[in-house]
Amino acid sequence: MILVAGPYRSGTNDDPLLIAKNVAAMTETSLRLFRAGHLPVMGEWFALPLIEHAGSRRIGDAVFNEIFHPISRRLVAQCDGCLRIGGASAGADEMVALARQHGKAVYHALEEIPHADTPL
């Protein structure tokens, strides 16, 4: 299982269209990882439904902050590695640092990750 870590809010000024582009980039990378035989995960897949259910009213409110990065922190501990993509992001950089602390592999390009022959 490989965590895809990239910018979510960074550089967006919380513009929903720019955030959607960041999520699309991570999702596209996740699809490519899957097609290479890996199990990709994104913290957003876990955090965003919980944030909505918990009653968050806007990005960065108390409910959002309670859940968003803590989910990824817990998730990275369960992964085999972390793939860092995209531009500047304190959150993504934190996931890379945590992956290293947990002794996980850290990649900076999809091409660095060996193809896995995982049956479907």
PDB file of N, CA and C in Angstrom:
ATOM      1  N   MET A   1       0.858  -1.165   0.000  1.00  0.00           N
ATOM      2  CA  MET A   1       0.000   0.000   0.000  1.00  0.00           C
ATOM      3  C   MET A   1       0.909   1.234   0.000  1.00  0.00           C
ATOM      4  N   ILE A   2       0.649   2.137  -0.928  1.00  0.00           N
ATOM      5  CA  ILE A   2       1.470   3.338  -1.073  1.00  0.00           C
ATOM      6  C   ILE A   2       0.590   4.571  -0.950  1.00  0.00           C
ATOM      7  N   LEU A   3       0.956   5.447  -0.016  1.00  0.00           N
ATOM      8  CA  LEU A   3       0.244   6.708   0.171  1.00  0.00           C
ATOM      9  C   LEU A   3       0.717   7.709  -0.869  1.00  0.00           C
ATOM     10  N   VAL A   4      -0.219   8.275  -1.606  1.00  0.00           N
ATOM     11  CA  VAL A   4       0.092   9.346  -2.549  1.00  0.00           C
ATOM     12  C   VAL A   4      -0.086  10.664  -1.803  1.00  0.00           C
ATOM     13  N   ALA A   5       1.007  11.406  -1.653  1.00  0.00           N
ATOM     14  CA  ALA A   5       0.994  12.664  -0.902  1.00  0.00           C
ATOM     15  C   ALA A   5       1.358  13.811  -1.832  1.00  0.00           C
ATOM     16  N   GLY A   6       0.457  14.761  -1.927  1.00  0.00           N
ATOM     17  CA  GLY A   6       0.700  15.936  -2.756  1.00  0.00           C
ATOM     18  C   GLY A   6      -0.074  17.110  -2.213  1.00  0.00           C
ATOM     19  N   PRO A   7       0.052  18.257  -2.843  1.00  0.00           N
ATOM     20  CA  PRO A   7      -0.671  19.436  -2.380  1.00  0.00           C
ATOM     21  C   PRO A   7      -2.179  19.227  -2.426  1.00  0.00           C
ATOM     22  N   TYR A   8      -2.854  19.718  -1.425  1.00  0.00           N
ATOM     23  CA  TYR A   8      -4.318  19.763  -1.407  1.00  0.00           C
ATOM     24  C   TYR A   8      -4.740  21.228  -1.445  1.00  0.00           C
ATOM     25  N   ARG A   9      -4.435  21.969  -0.406  1.00  0.00           N
ATOM     26  CA  ARG A   9      -4.793  23.396  -0.341  1.00  0.00           C
ATOM     27  C   ARG A   9      -3.661  24.312  -0.802  1.00  0.00           C
ATOM     28  N   SER A  10      -2.433  23.856  -0.714  1.00  0.00           N
ATOM     29  CA  SER A  10      -1.276  24.711  -0.991  1.00  0.00           C
ATOM     30  C   SER A  10      -1.392  25.401  -2.343  1.00  0.00           C
ATOM     31  N   GLY A  11      -1.179  26.701  -2.327  1.00  0.00           N
ATOM     32  CA  GLY A  11      -1.190  27.476  -3.556  1.00  0.00           C
ATOM     33  C   GLY A  11      -2.552  27.708  -4.165  1.00  0.00           C
ATOM     34  N   THR A  12      -3.622  27.354  -3.448  1.00  0.00           N
ATOM     35  CA  THR A  12      -4.970  27.469  -4.022  1.00  0.00           C
ATOM     36  C   THR A  12      -5.768  28.641  -3.480  1.00  0.00           C
ATOM     37  N   ASN A  13      -5.324  29.220  -2.369  1.00  0.00           N
ATOM     38  CA  ASN A  13      -6.137  30.222  -1.668  1.00  0.00           C
ATOM     39  C   ASN A  13      -7.539  29.663  -1.394  1.00  0.00           C
ATOM     40  N   ASP A  14      -7.594  28.352  -1.191  1.00  0.00           N
ATOM     41  CA  ASP A  14      -8.834  27.606  -0.928  1.00  0.00           C
ATOM     42  C   ASP A  14      -9.858  27.700  -2.059  1.00  0.00           C
ATOM     43  N   ASP A  15      -9.389  27.955  -3.280  1.00  0.00           N
ATOM     44  CA  ASP A  15     -10.257  27.969  -4.466  1.00  0.00           C
ATOM     45  C   ASP A  15     -10.655  26.522  -4.779  1.00  0.00           C
ATOM     46  N   PRO A  16     -11.951  26.200  -4.755  1.00  0.00           N
ATOM     47  CA  PRO A  16     -12.388  24.818  -4.977  1.00  0.00           C
ATOM     48  C   PRO A  16     -11.932  24.230  -6.313  1.00  0.00           C
ATOM     49  N   LEU A  17     -11.841  25.035  -7.347  1.00  0.00           N
ATOM     50  CA  LEU A  17     -11.393  24.518  -8.646  1.00  0.00           C
ATOM     51  C   LEU A  17      -9.921  24.125  -8.609  1.00  0.00           C
ATOM     52  N   LEU A  18      -9.111  24.917  -7.937  1.00  0.00           N
ATOM     53  CA  LEU A  18      -7.689  24.591  -7.828  1.00  0.00           C
ATOM     54  C   LEU A  18      -7.462  23.400  -6.906  1.00  0.00           C
ATOM     55  N   ILE A  19      -8.238  23.315  -5.850  1.00  0.00           N
ATOM     56  CA  ILE A  19      -8.162  22.141  -4.973  1.00  0.00           C
ATOM     57  C   ILE A  19      -8.553  20.892  -5.757  1.00  0.00           C
ATOM     58  N   ALA A  20      -9.595  20.995  -6.563  1.00  0.00           N
ATOM     59  CA  ALA A  20     -10.028  19.855  -7.385  1.00  0.00           C
ATOM     60  C   ALA A  20      -8.918  19.421  -8.341  1.00  0.00           C
ATOM     61  N   LYS A  21      -8.169  20.368  -8.883  1.00  0.00           N
ATOM     62  CA  LYS A  21      -7.041  20.014  -9.760  1.00  0.00           C
ATOM     63  C   LYS A  21      -5.975  19.252  -8.986  1.00  0.00           C
ATOM     64  N   ASN A  22      -5.706  19.689  -7.759  1.00  0.00           N
ATOM     65  CA  ASN A  22      -4.729  18.977  -6.935  1.00  0.00           C
ATOM     66  C   ASN A  22      -5.192  17.554  -6.642  1.00  0.00           C
ATOM     67  N   VAL A  23      -6.463  17.403  -6.309  1.00  0.00           N
ATOM     68  CA  VAL A  23      -7.008  16.066  -6.033  1.00  0.00           C
ATOM     69  C   VAL A  23      -6.972  15.212  -7.299  1.00  0.00           C
ATOM     70  N   ALA A  24      -7.286  15.812  -8.437  1.00  0.00           N
ATOM     71  CA  ALA A  24      -7.251  15.072  -9.707  1.00  0.00           C
ATOM     72  C   ALA A  24      -5.841  14.569 -10.005  1.00  0.00           C
ATOM     73  N   ALA A  25      -4.826  15.367  -9.707  1.00  0.00           N
ATOM     74  CA  ALA A  25      -3.444  14.934  -9.937  1.00  0.00           C
ATOM     75  C   ALA A  25      -3.092  13.742  -9.052  1.00  0.00           C
ATOM     76  N   MET A  26      -3.510  13.791  -7.787  1.00  0.00           N
ATOM     77  CA  MET A  26      -3.244  12.661  -6.893  1.00  0.00           C
ATOM     78  C   MET A  26      -4.040  11.428  -7.317  1.00  0.00           C
ATOM     79  N   THR A  27      -5.263  11.635  -7.781  1.00  0.00           N
ATOM     80  CA  THR A  27      -6.103  10.521  -8.217  1.00  0.00           C
ATOM     81  C   THR A  27      -5.529   9.875  -9.473  1.00  0.00           C
ATOM     82  N   GLU A  28      -5.066  10.674 -10.415  1.00  0.00           N
ATOM     83  CA  GLU A  28      -4.441  10.135 -11.629  1.00  0.00           C
ATOM     84  C   GLU A  28      -3.199   9.328 -11.273  1.00  0.00           C
ATOM     85  N   THR A  29      -2.398   9.833 -10.364  1.00  0.00           N
ATOM     86  CA  THR A  29      -1.217   9.095  -9.921  1.00  0.00           C
ATOM     87  C   THR A  29      -1.627   7.797  -9.235  1.00  0.00           C
ATOM     88  N   SER A  30      -2.688   7.842  -8.450  1.00  0.00           N
ATOM     89  CA  SER A  30      -3.192   6.634  -7.785  1.00  0.00           C
ATOM     90  C   SER A  30      -3.630   5.591  -8.800  1.00  0.00           C
ATOM     91  N   LEU A  31      -4.278   6.021  -9.857  1.00  0.00           N
ATOM     92  CA  LEU A  31      -4.697   5.090 -10.908  1.00  0.00           C
ATOM     93  C   LEU A  31      -3.482   4.449 -11.569  1.00  0.00           C
ATOM     94  N   ARG A  32      -2.479   5.245 -11.845  1.00  0.00           N
ATOM     95  CA  ARG A  32      -1.261   4.701 -12.457  1.00  0.00           C
ATOM     96  C   ARG A  32      -0.574   3.707 -11.519  1.00  0.00           C
ATOM     97  N   LEU A  33      -0.563   4.008 -10.228  1.00  0.00           N
ATOM     98  CA  LEU A  33       0.001   3.074  -9.245  1.00  0.00           C
ATOM     99  C   LEU A  33      -0.781   1.763  -9.232  1.00  0.00           C
ATOM    100  N   PHE A  34      -2.099   1.875  -9.255  1.00  0.00           N
ATOM    101  CA  PHE A  34      -2.941   0.680  -9.278  1.00  0.00           C
ATOM    102  C   PHE A  34      -2.632  -0.161 -10.511  1.00  0.00           C
ATOM    103  N   ARG A  35      -2.540   0.491 -11.646  1.00  0.00           N
ATOM    104  CA  ARG A  35      -2.266  -0.232 -12.897  1.00  0.00           C
ATOM    105  C   ARG A  35      -0.872  -0.833 -12.923  1.00  0.00           C
ATOM    106  N   ALA A  36       0.008  -0.354 -12.056  1.00  0.00           N
ATOM    107  CA  ALA A  36       1.345  -0.936 -11.925  1.00  0.00           C
ATOM    108  C   ALA A  36       1.363  -2.057 -10.883  1.00  0.00           C
ATOM    109  N   GLY A  37       0.180  -2.420 -10.378  1.00  0.00           N
ATOM    110  CA  GLY A  37       0.069  -3.557  -9.475  1.00  0.00           C
ATOM    111  C   GLY A  37       0.076  -3.229  -7.994  1.00  0.00           C
ATOM    112  N   HIS A  38       0.039  -1.952  -7.648  1.00  0.00           N
ATOM    113  CA  HIS A  38       0.086  -1.539  -6.241  1.00  0.00           C
ATOM    114  C   HIS A  38      -1.305  -1.178  -5.728  1.00  0.00           C
ATOM    115  N   LEU A  39      -1.415  -1.055  -4.415  1.00  0.00           N
ATOM    116  CA  LEU A  39      -2.636  -0.569  -3.780  1.00  0.00           C
ATOM    117  C   LEU A  39      -2.376   0.870  -3.338  1.00  0.00           C
ATOM    118  N   PRO A  40      -2.863   1.849  -4.117  1.00  0.00           N
ATOM    119  CA  PRO A  40      -2.660   3.245  -3.742  1.00  0.00           C
ATOM    120  C   PRO A  40      -3.700   3.693  -2.727  1.00  0.00           C
ATOM    121  N   VAL A  41      -3.325   4.654  -1.895  1.00  0.00           N
ATOM    122  CA  VAL A  41      -4.276   5.286  -0.983  1.00  0.00           C
ATOM    123  C   VAL A  41      -3.980   6.779  -0.934  1.00  0.00           C
ATOM    124  N   MET A  42      -5.026   7.528  -0.669  1.00  0.00           N
ATOM    125  CA  MET A  42      -4.907   8.971  -0.471  1.00  0.00           C
ATOM    126  C   MET A  42      -5.621   9.308   0.823  1.00  0.00           C
ATOM    127  N   GLY A  43      -5.021  10.126   1.642  1.00  0.00           N
ATOM    128  CA  GLY A  43      -5.667  10.542   2.876  1.00  0.00           C
ATOM    129  C   GLY A  43      -7.013  11.189   2.631  1.00  0.00           C
ATOM    130  N   GLU A  44      -7.136  11.897   1.510  1.00  0.00           N
ATOM    131  CA  GLU A  44      -8.389  12.567   1.163  1.00  0.00           C
ATOM    132  C   GLU A  44      -9.542  11.580   1.039  1.00  0.00           C
ATOM    133  N   TRP A  45      -9.264  10.374   0.550  1.00  0.00           N
ATOM    134  CA  TRP A  45     -10.326   9.372   0.388  1.00  0.00           C
ATOM    135  C   TRP A  45     -10.963   9.022   1.726  1.00  0.00           C
ATOM    136  N   PHE A  46     -10.174   9.051   2.778  1.00  0.00           N
ATOM    137  CA  PHE A  46     -10.672   8.729   4.112  1.00  0.00           C
ATOM    138  C   PHE A  46     -11.183   9.973   4.833  1.00  0.00           C
ATOM    139  N   ALA A  47     -10.431  11.057   4.730  1.00  0.00           N
ATOM    140  CA  ALA A  47     -10.731  12.255   5.515  1.00  0.00           C
ATOM    141  C   ALA A  47     -11.967  13.009   5.043  1.00  0.00           C
ATOM    142  N   LEU A  48     -12.100  13.231   3.754  1.00  0.00           N
ATOM    143  CA  LEU A  48     -13.163  14.121   3.276  1.00  0.00           C
ATOM    144  C   LEU A  48     -14.571  13.639   3.616  1.00  0.00           C
ATOM    145  N   PRO A  49     -14.902  12.353   3.461  1.00  0.00           N
ATOM    146  CA  PRO A  49     -16.250  11.924   3.878  1.00  0.00           C
ATOM    147  C   PRO A  49     -16.487  12.097   5.378  1.00  0.00           C
ATOM    148  N   LEU A  50     -15.464  11.831   6.191  1.00  0.00           N
ATOM    149  CA  LEU A  50     -15.615  12.006   7.639  1.00  0.00           C
ATOM    150  C   LEU A  50     -15.773  13.475   8.006  1.00  0.00           C
ATOM    151  N   ILE A  51     -15.016  14.332   7.345  1.00  0.00           N
ATOM    152  CA  ILE A  51     -15.103  15.775   7.592  1.00  0.00           C
ATOM    153  C   ILE A  51     -16.506  16.274   7.292  1.00  0.00           C
ATOM    154  N   GLU A  52     -17.050  15.841   6.169  1.00  0.00           N
ATOM    155  CA  GLU A  52     -18.417  16.245   5.811  1.00  0.00           C
ATOM    156  C   GLU A  52     -19.423  15.718   6.830  1.00  0.00           C
ATOM    157  N   HIS A  53     -19.289  14.439   7.173  1.00  0.00           N
ATOM    158  CA  HIS A  53     -20.224  13.820   8.121  1.00  0.00           C
ATOM    159  C   HIS A  53     -20.146  14.479   9.503  1.00  0.00           C
ATOM    160  N   ALA A  54     -18.946  14.909   9.884  1.00  0.00           N
ATOM    161  CA  ALA A  54     -18.751  15.525  11.203  1.00  0.00           C
ATOM    162  C   ALA A  54     -19.260  16.964  11.261  1.00  0.00           C
ATOM    163  N   GLY A  55     -19.684  17.493  10.119  1.00  0.00           N
ATOM    164  CA  GLY A  55     -20.315  18.809  10.126  1.00  0.00           C
ATOM    165  C   GLY A  55     -19.429  19.989   9.786  1.00  0.00           C
ATOM    166  N   SER A  56     -18.303  19.734   9.149  1.00  0.00           N
ATOM    167  CA  SER A  56     -17.451  20.851   8.744  1.00  0.00           C
ATOM    168  C   SER A  56     -18.224  21.792   7.828  1.00  0.00           C
ATOM    169  N   ARG A  57     -18.021  23.074   8.031  1.00  0.00           N
ATOM    170  CA  ARG A  57     -18.708  24.088   7.223  1.00  0.00           C
ATOM    171  C   ARG A  57     -17.804  24.689   6.153  1.00  0.00           C
ATOM    172  N   ARG A  58     -16.478  24.591   6.370  1.00  0.00           N
ATOM    173  CA  ARG A  58     -15.553  25.142   5.385  1.00  0.00           C
ATOM    174  C   ARG A  58     -14.160  24.548   5.599  1.00  0.00           C
ATOM    175  N   ILE A  59     -13.372  24.588   4.555  1.00  0.00           N
ATOM    176  CA  ILE A  59     -11.991  24.127   4.630  1.00  0.00           C
ATOM    177  C   ILE A  59     -11.254  24.936   5.687  1.00  0.00           C
ATOM    178  N   GLY A  60     -10.574  24.231   6.569  1.00  0.00           N
ATOM    179  CA  GLY A  60      -9.774  24.885   7.592  1.00  0.00           C
ATOM    180  C   GLY A  60     -10.492  25.168   8.893  1.00  0.00           C
ATOM    181  N   ASP A  61     -11.789  24.813   8.976  1.00  0.00           N
ATOM    182  CA  ASP A  61     -12.469  25.025  10.259  1.00  0.00           C
ATOM    183  C   ASP A  61     -12.009  23.963  11.261  1.00  0.00           C
ATOM    184  N   ALA A  62     -12.488  24.061  12.481  1.00  0.00           N
ATOM    185  CA  ALA A  62     -12.025  23.164  13.547  1.00  0.00           C
ATOM    186  C   ALA A  62     -12.272  21.698  13.214  1.00  0.00           C
ATOM    187  N   VAL A  63     -13.431  21.389  12.645  1.00  0.00           N
ATOM    188  CA  VAL A  63     -13.742  19.993  12.295  1.00  0.00           C
ATOM    189  C   VAL A  63     -12.789  19.502  11.209  1.00  0.00           C
ATOM    190  N   PHE A  64     -12.577  20.312  10.189  1.00  0.00           N
ATOM    191  CA  PHE A  64     -11.645  19.963   9.114  1.00  0.00           C
ATOM    192  C   PHE A  64     -10.265  19.660   9.700  1.00  0.00           C
ATOM    193  N   ASN A  65      -9.771  20.565  10.535  1.00  0.00           N
ATOM    194  CA  ASN A  65      -8.430  20.403  11.101  1.00  0.00           C
ATOM    195  C   ASN A  65      -8.329  19.232  12.070  1.00  0.00           C
ATOM    196  N   GLU A  66      -9.426  18.884  12.712  1.00  0.00           N
ATOM    197  CA  GLU A  66      -9.442  17.728  13.614  1.00  0.00           C
ATOM    198  C   GLU A  66      -9.174  16.434  12.853  1.00  0.00           C
ATOM    199  N   ILE A  67      -9.602  16.368  11.597  1.00  0.00           N
ATOM    200  CA  ILE A  67      -9.610  15.111  10.849  1.00  0.00           C
ATOM    201  C   ILE A  67      -8.606  15.062   9.704  1.00  0.00           C
ATOM    202  N   PHE A  68      -8.441  16.143   8.949  1.00  0.00           N
ATOM    203  CA  PHE A  68      -7.750  16.080   7.659  1.00  0.00           C
ATOM    204  C   PHE A  68      -6.335  15.517   7.745  1.00  0.00           C
ATOM    205  N   HIS A  69      -5.419  16.170   8.411  1.00  0.00           N
ATOM    206  CA  HIS A  69      -4.051  15.648   8.491  1.00  0.00           C
ATOM    207  C   HIS A  69      -3.913  14.460   9.437  1.00  0.00           C
ATOM    208  N   PRO A  70      -4.649  14.419  10.563  1.00  0.00           N
ATOM    209  CA  PRO A  70      -4.529  13.237  11.421  1.00  0.00           C
ATOM    210  C   PRO A  70      -4.847  11.915  10.709  1.00  0.00           C
ATOM    211  N   ILE A  71      -5.801  11.925   9.795  1.00  0.00           N
ATOM    212  CA  ILE A  71      -6.096  10.697   9.029  1.00  0.00           C
ATOM    213  C   ILE A  71      -4.851  10.249   8.274  1.00  0.00           C
ATOM    214  N   SER A  72      -4.212  11.179   7.570  1.00  0.00           N
ATOM    215  CA  SER A  72      -3.023  10.819   6.790  1.00  0.00           C
ATOM    216  C   SER A  72      -1.872  10.396   7.681  1.00  0.00           C
ATOM    217  N   ARG A  73      -1.748  11.026   8.840  1.00  0.00           N
ATOM    218  CA  ARG A  73      -0.689  10.620   9.778  1.00  0.00           C
ATOM    219  C   ARG A  73      -0.876   9.166  10.199  1.00  0.00           C
ATOM    220  N   ARG A  74      -2.099   8.790  10.490  1.00  0.00           N
ATOM    221  CA  ARG A  74      -2.378   7.397  10.875  1.00  0.00           C
ATOM    222  C   ARG A  74      -2.199   6.462   9.684  1.00  0.00           C
ATOM    223  N   LEU A  75      -2.613   6.919   8.533  1.00  0.00           N
ATOM    224  CA  LEU A  75      -2.554   6.093   7.330  1.00  0.00           C
ATOM    225  C   LEU A  75      -1.117   5.799   6.918  1.00  0.00           C
ATOM    226  N   VAL A  76      -0.251   6.794   6.967  1.00  0.00           N
ATOM    227  CA  VAL A  76       1.127   6.592   6.522  1.00  0.00           C
ATOM    228  C   VAL A  76       1.815   5.514   7.356  1.00  0.00           C
ATOM    229  N   ALA A  77       1.447   5.391   8.613  1.00  0.00           N
ATOM    230  CA  ALA A  77       2.039   4.358   9.468  1.00  0.00           C
ATOM    231  C   ALA A  77       1.662   2.955   9.004  1.00  0.00           C
ATOM    232  N   GLN A  78       0.552   2.828   8.286  1.00  0.00           N
ATOM    233  CA  GLN A  78       0.071   1.529   7.818  1.00  0.00           C
ATOM    234  C   GLN A  78       0.557   1.185   6.411  1.00  0.00           C
ATOM    235  N   CYS A  79       1.145   2.150   5.727  1.00  0.00           N
ATOM    236  CA  CYS A  79       1.549   1.960   4.331  1.00  0.00           C
ATOM    237  C   CYS A  79       2.948   1.361   4.226  1.00  0.00           C
ATOM    238  N   ASP A  80       3.240   0.827   3.047  1.00  0.00           N
ATOM    239  CA  ASP A  80       4.582   0.329   2.758  1.00  0.00           C
ATOM    240  C   ASP A  80       5.495   1.454   2.296  1.00  0.00           C
ATOM    241  N   GLY A  81       4.887   2.508   1.765  1.00  0.00           N
ATOM    242  CA  GLY A  81       5.678   3.612   1.255  1.00  0.00           C
ATOM    243  C   GLY A  81       4.826   4.830   1.006  1.00  0.00           C
ATOM    244  N   CYS A  82       5.507   5.890   0.587  1.00  0.00           N
ATOM    245  CA  CYS A  82       4.855   7.168   0.316  1.00  0.00           C
ATOM    246  C   CYS A  82       5.410   7.714  -0.991  1.00  0.00           C
ATOM    247  N   LEU A  83       4.531   8.118  -1.877  1.00  0.00           N
ATOM    248  CA  LEU A  83       4.920   8.753  -3.135  1.00  0.00           C
ATOM    249  C   LEU A  83       4.569  10.226  -3.044  1.00  0.00           C
ATOM    250  N   ARG A  84       5.576  11.080  -3.057  1.00  0.00           N
ATOM    251  CA  ARG A  84       5.382  12.537  -2.962  1.00  0.00           C
ATOM    252  C   ARG A  84       5.291  13.105  -4.368  1.00  0.00           C
ATOM    253  N   ILE A  85       4.181  13.774  -4.679  1.00  0.00           N
ATOM    254  CA  ILE A  85       4.001  14.372  -5.997  1.00  0.00           C
ATOM    255  C   ILE A  85       3.695  15.859  -5.851  1.00  0.00           C
ATOM    256  N   GLY A  86       3.765  16.565  -6.967  1.00  0.00           N
ATOM    257  CA  GLY A  86       3.308  17.947  -7.027  1.00  0.00           C
ATOM    258  C   GLY A  86       4.261  18.951  -6.421  1.00  0.00           C
ATOM    259  N   GLY A  87       3.725  20.137  -6.203  1.00  0.00           N
ATOM    260  CA  GLY A  87       4.513  21.268  -5.731  1.00  0.00           C
ATOM    261  C   GLY A  87       4.568  21.373  -4.222  1.00  0.00           C
ATOM    262  N   ALA A  88       4.823  22.586  -3.788  1.00  0.00           N
ATOM    263  CA  ALA A  88       5.000  22.863  -2.364  1.00  0.00           C
ATOM    264  C   ALA A  88       3.769  22.462  -1.560  1.00  0.00           C
ATOM    265  N   SER A  89       4.013  21.793  -0.433  1.00  0.00           N
ATOM    266  CA  SER A  89       2.930  21.391   0.454  1.00  0.00           C
ATOM    267  C   SER A  89       3.521  20.966   1.790  1.00  0.00           C
ATOM    268  N   ALA A  90       3.245  21.751   2.818  1.00  0.00           N
ATOM    269  CA  ALA A  90       3.728  21.396   4.154  1.00  0.00           C
ATOM    270  C   ALA A  90       3.139  20.063   4.608  1.00  0.00           C
ATOM    271  N   GLY A  91       1.862  19.826   4.312  1.00  0.00           N
ATOM    272  CA  GLY A  91       1.216  18.578   4.711  1.00  0.00           C
ATOM    273  C   GLY A  91       1.829  17.368   4.032  1.00  0.00           C
ATOM    274  N   ALA A  92       2.056  17.459   2.719  1.00  0.00           N
ATOM    275  CA  ALA A  92       2.667  16.342   1.994  1.00  0.00           C
ATOM    276  C   ALA A  92       4.096  16.113   2.475  1.00  0.00           C
ATOM    277  N   ASP A  93       4.818  17.201   2.742  1.00  0.00           N
ATOM    278  CA  ASP A  93       6.177  17.056   3.271  1.00  0.00           C
ATOM    279  C   ASP A  93       6.166  16.393   4.646  1.00  0.00           C
ATOM    280  N   GLU A  94       5.153  16.693   5.443  1.00  0.00           N
ATOM    281  CA  GLU A  94       5.024  16.043   6.747  1.00  0.00           C
ATOM    282  C   GLU A  94       4.808  14.543   6.576  1.00  0.00           C
ATOM    283  N   MET A  95       4.007  14.134   5.586  1.00  0.00           N
ATOM    284  CA  MET A  95       3.762  12.708   5.369  1.00  0.00           C
ATOM    285  C   MET A  95       5.047  11.999   4.952  1.00  0.00           C
ATOM    286  N   VAL A  96       5.867  12.672   4.134  1.00  0.00           N
ATOM    287  CA  VAL A  96       7.160  12.107   3.742  1.00  0.00           C
ATOM    288  C   VAL A  96       8.048  11.933   4.975  1.00  0.00           C
ATOM    289  N   ALA A  97       8.105  12.949   5.816  1.00  0.00           N
ATOM    290  CA  ALA A  97       8.922  12.866   7.035  1.00  0.00           C
ATOM    291  C   ALA A  97       8.435  11.737   7.942  1.00  0.00           C
ATOM    292  N   LEU A  98       7.123  11.615   8.091  1.00  0.00           N
ATOM    293  CA  LEU A  98       6.572  10.533   8.917  1.00  0.00           C
ATOM    294  C   LEU A  98       6.869   9.168   8.311  1.00  0.00           C
ATOM    295  N   ALA A  99       6.763   9.056   6.999  1.00  0.00           N
ATOM    296  CA  ALA A  99       7.086   7.790   6.332  1.00  0.00           C
ATOM    297  C   ALA A  99       8.528   7.399   6.640  1.00  0.00           C
ATOM    298  N   ARG A 100       9.418   8.353   6.539  1.00  0.00           N
ATOM    299  CA  ARG A 100      10.833   8.070   6.844  1.00  0.00           C
ATOM    300  C   ARG A 100      11.009   7.662   8.306  1.00  0.00           C
ATOM    301  N   GLN A 101      10.320   8.357   9.227  1.00  0.00           N
ATOM    302  CA  GLN A 101      10.413   8.014  10.648  1.00  0.00           C
ATOM    303  C   GLN A 101       9.947   6.587  10.909  1.00  0.00           C
ATOM    304  N   HIS A 102       8.965   6.139  10.134  1.00  0.00           N
ATOM    305  CA  HIS A 102       8.436   4.782  10.282  1.00  0.00           C
ATOM    306  C   HIS A 102       9.231   3.763   9.469  1.00  0.00           C
ATOM    307  N   GLY A 103      10.295   4.194   8.808  1.00  0.00           N
ATOM    308  CA  GLY A 103      11.117   3.283   8.025  1.00  0.00           C
ATOM    309  C   GLY A 103      10.481   2.852   6.718  1.00  0.00           C
ATOM    310  N   LYS A 104       9.562   3.642   6.210  1.00  0.00           N
ATOM    311  CA  LYS A 104       8.869   3.318   4.959  1.00  0.00           C
ATOM    312  C   LYS A 104       9.674   3.843   3.771  1.00  0.00           C
ATOM    313  N   ALA A 105       9.449   3.243   2.624  1.00  0.00           N
ATOM    314  CA  ALA A 105      10.068   3.725   1.392  1.00  0.00           C
ATOM    315  C   ALA A 105       9.445   5.063   1.010  1.00  0.00           C
ATOM    316  N   VAL A 106      10.262   5.968   0.501  1.00  0.00           N
ATOM    317  CA  VAL A 106       9.774   7.258   0.014  1.00  0.00           C
ATOM    318  C   VAL A 106      10.197   7.395  -1.440  1.00  0.00           C
ATOM    319  N   TYR A 107       9.240   7.720  -2.278  1.00  0.00           N
ATOM    320  CA  TYR A 107       9.475   7.886  -3.707  1.00  0.00           C
ATOM    321  C   TYR A 107       9.099   9.303  -4.113  1.00  0.00           C
ATOM    322  N   HIS A 108       9.780   9.797  -5.152  1.00  0.00           N
ATOM    323  CA  HIS A 108       9.478  11.131  -5.664  1.00  0.00           C
ATOM    324  C   HIS A 108       9.045  11.098  -7.121  1.00  0.00           C
ATOM    325  N   ALA A 109       8.967   9.914  -7.686  1.00  0.00           N
ATOM    326  CA  ALA A 109       8.478   9.749  -9.058  1.00  0.00           C
ATOM    327  C   ALA A 109       7.895   8.351  -9.183  1.00  0.00           C
ATOM    328  N   LEU A 110       6.847   8.250  -9.938  1.00  0.00           N
ATOM    329  CA  LEU A 110       6.197   6.958 -10.148  1.00  0.00           C
ATOM    330  C   LEU A 110       7.187   5.938 -10.713  1.00  0.00           C
ATOM    331  N   GLU A 111       8.091   6.419 -11.547  1.00  0.00           N
ATOM    332  CA  GLU A 111       9.058   5.533 -12.200  1.00  0.00           C
ATOM    333  C   GLU A 111      10.047   4.910 -11.217  1.00  0.00           C
ATOM    334  N   GLU A 112      10.171   5.457 -10.023  1.00  0.00           N
ATOM    335  CA  GLU A 112      11.068   4.900  -9.002  1.00  0.00           C
ATOM    336  C   GLU A 112      10.490   3.641  -8.354  1.00  0.00           C
ATOM    337  N   ILE A 113       9.192   3.449  -8.489  1.00  0.00           N
ATOM    338  CA  ILE A 113       8.512   2.356  -7.794  1.00  0.00           C
ATOM    339  C   ILE A 113       8.508   1.122  -8.680  1.00  0.00           C
ATOM    340  N   PRO A 114       9.032   0.006  -8.178  1.00  0.00           N
ATOM    341  CA  PRO A 114       9.032  -1.213  -8.988  1.00  0.00           C
ATOM    342  C   PRO A 114       7.606  -1.674  -9.296  1.00  0.00           C
ATOM    343  N   HIS A 115       7.421  -2.215 -10.479  1.00  0.00           N
ATOM    344  CA  HIS A 115       6.123  -2.779 -10.847  1.00  0.00           C
ATOM    345  C   HIS A 115       5.854  -3.976  -9.938  1.00  0.00           C
ATOM    346  N   ALA A 116       4.633  -4.103  -9.491  1.00  0.00           N
ATOM    347  CA  ALA A 116       4.243  -5.234  -8.640  1.00  0.00           C
ATOM    348  C   ALA A 116       3.342  -6.156  -9.448  1.00  0.00           C
ATOM    349  N   ASP A 117       3.626  -7.420  -9.400  1.00  0.00           N
ATOM    350  CA  ASP A 117       2.785  -8.397 -10.097  1.00  0.00           C
ATOM    351  C   ASP A 117       1.717  -8.898  -9.142  1.00  0.00           C
ATOM    352  N   THR A 118       0.747  -8.051  -8.881  1.00  0.00           N
ATOM    353  CA  THR A 118      -0.324  -8.372  -7.953  1.00  0.00           C
ATOM    354  C   THR A 118      -1.543  -8.839  -8.731  1.00  0.00           C
ATOM    355  N   PRO A 119      -2.004 -10.066  -8.476  1.00  0.00           N
ATOM    356  CA  PRO A 119      -3.215 -10.521  -9.171  1.00  0.00           C
ATOM    357  C   PRO A 119      -4.437  -9.743  -8.700  1.00  0.00           C
ATOM    358  N   LEU A 120      -5.382  -9.586  -9.585  1.00  0.00           N
ATOM    359  CA  LEU A 120      -6.606  -8.853  -9.232  1.00  0.00           C
ATOM    360  C   LEU A 120      -7.574  -9.728  -8.496  1.00  0.00           C
TER     361      LEU A 120
END
